[in-house]
Amino acid sequence: MLIGGEPNKIDEGSGSVVFLWEGEKWYDEFAEIAFVGELMDNLPHEEFLFIRIGEDYDDIEARGSYQCNPHRVRIAREIAAD
């Protein structure tokens, strides 16, 4: 459930919140997905940061330019070996 869910993280100082959705099909024809897209279209870019990572390696979308970012939300890639 996208809409009405509780934030995963809240920063009291800045008022920043993080919502993390996993396993959602992110297609604009779904009403909740369209709502999130329309919301972002109407927000000033400096007031939010949105990152979506799809199943394919190059399926990444980033929108907004929220600079405060107290939760350090970012895309991180690494090479690991065991």
Protein backbone atom coordinates (compact mmCIF):
# COMPACT_ATOMS: atom_id res chain seq x y z
CA MET A 1 0.00 0.00 0.00
CA LEU A 2 1.56 3.27 -1.10
CA ILE A 3 -0.93 5.85 0.03
CA GLY A 4 -1.72 6.04 3.73
CA GLY A 5 1.32 4.07 4.82
CA GLU A 6 3.50 5.21 7.70
CA PRO A 7 6.94 6.73 6.98
CA ASN A 8 9.92 4.40 7.47
CA LYS A 9 12.05 7.19 8.92
CA ILE A 10 11.36 10.67 10.27
CA ASP A 11 13.91 13.41 11.00
CA GLU A 12 12.35 15.68 13.62
CA GLY A 13 14.87 18.48 13.04
CA SER A 14 14.19 18.97 9.35
CA GLY A 15 10.74 17.40 9.14
CA SER A 16 12.05 14.99 6.49
CA VAL A 17 10.35 11.65 6.05
CA VAL A 18 11.38 8.53 4.14
CA PHE A 19 8.90 6.17 2.55
CA LEU A 20 10.32 2.84 1.34
CA TRP A 21 8.20 0.69 -0.92
CA GLU A 22 9.55 -2.70 -1.98
CA GLY A 23 8.13 -5.10 -4.53
CA GLU A 24 5.67 -2.60 -6.01
CA LYS A 25 4.90 -2.68 -9.72
CA TRP A 26 5.68 0.91 -10.72
CA TYR A 27 3.40 1.55 -13.69
CA ASP A 28 1.75 4.93 -14.29
CA GLU A 29 -1.56 3.27 -15.12
CA PHE A 30 -1.93 2.23 -11.46
CA ALA A 31 -3.86 4.94 -9.57
CA GLU A 32 -1.49 5.12 -6.57
CA ILE A 33 1.59 5.32 -8.80
CA ALA A 34 -0.02 8.02 -10.93
CA PHE A 35 -0.84 9.95 -7.74
CA VAL A 36 2.79 9.88 -6.59
CA GLY A 37 3.94 11.03 -10.04
CA GLU A 38 1.43 13.89 -10.11
CA LEU A 39 2.42 14.90 -6.58
CA MET A 40 6.08 15.12 -7.62
CA ASP A 41 5.12 17.08 -10.74
CA ASN A 42 3.54 19.71 -8.49
CA LEU A 43 6.23 19.93 -5.80
CA PRO A 44 9.22 22.27 -6.04
CA HIS A 45 12.18 20.04 -6.96
CA GLU A 46 14.28 21.30 -4.07
CA GLU A 47 11.69 19.99 -1.57
CA PHE A 48 11.88 16.27 -2.34
CA LEU A 49 14.11 13.42 -3.48
CA PHE A 50 12.65 10.37 -5.19
CA ILE A 51 14.68 7.34 -6.24
CA ARG A 52 13.21 4.27 -7.91
CA ILE A 53 15.27 1.19 -8.74
CA GLY A 54 13.64 -1.35 -11.03
CA GLU A 55 14.48 -4.96 -11.71
CA ASP A 56 16.84 -4.26 -14.61
CA TYR A 57 20.34 -2.91 -13.95
CA ASP A 58 19.73 0.33 -15.84
CA ASP A 59 16.14 0.83 -14.64
CA ILE A 60 16.73 3.75 -12.27
CA GLU A 61 14.72 6.94 -11.93
CA ALA A 62 15.72 9.91 -9.77
CA ARG A 63 13.67 13.07 -9.36
CA GLY A 64 13.99 16.13 -7.18
CA SER A 65 17.04 17.76 -5.68
CA TYR A 66 16.41 17.83 -1.92
CA GLN A 67 19.77 18.89 -0.52
CA CYS A 68 19.13 18.58 3.24
CA ASN A 69 18.77 14.76 3.03
CA PRO A 70 19.44 13.94 6.72
CA HIS A 71 18.86 10.23 6.02
CA ARG A 72 21.54 10.21 3.30
CA VAL A 73 19.17 8.57 0.80
CA ARG A 74 21.21 7.63 -2.26
CA ILE A 75 21.94 4.94 -4.80
CA ALA A 76 24.92 2.87 -3.68
CA ARG A 77 26.64 0.30 -5.84
CA GLU A 78 29.41 -1.93 -4.65
CA ILE A 79 31.51 -4.85 -5.70
CA ALA A 80 31.70 -7.56 -3.07
CA ALA A 81 33.31 -10.99 -2.83
CA ASP A 82 33.11 -13.69 -0.15
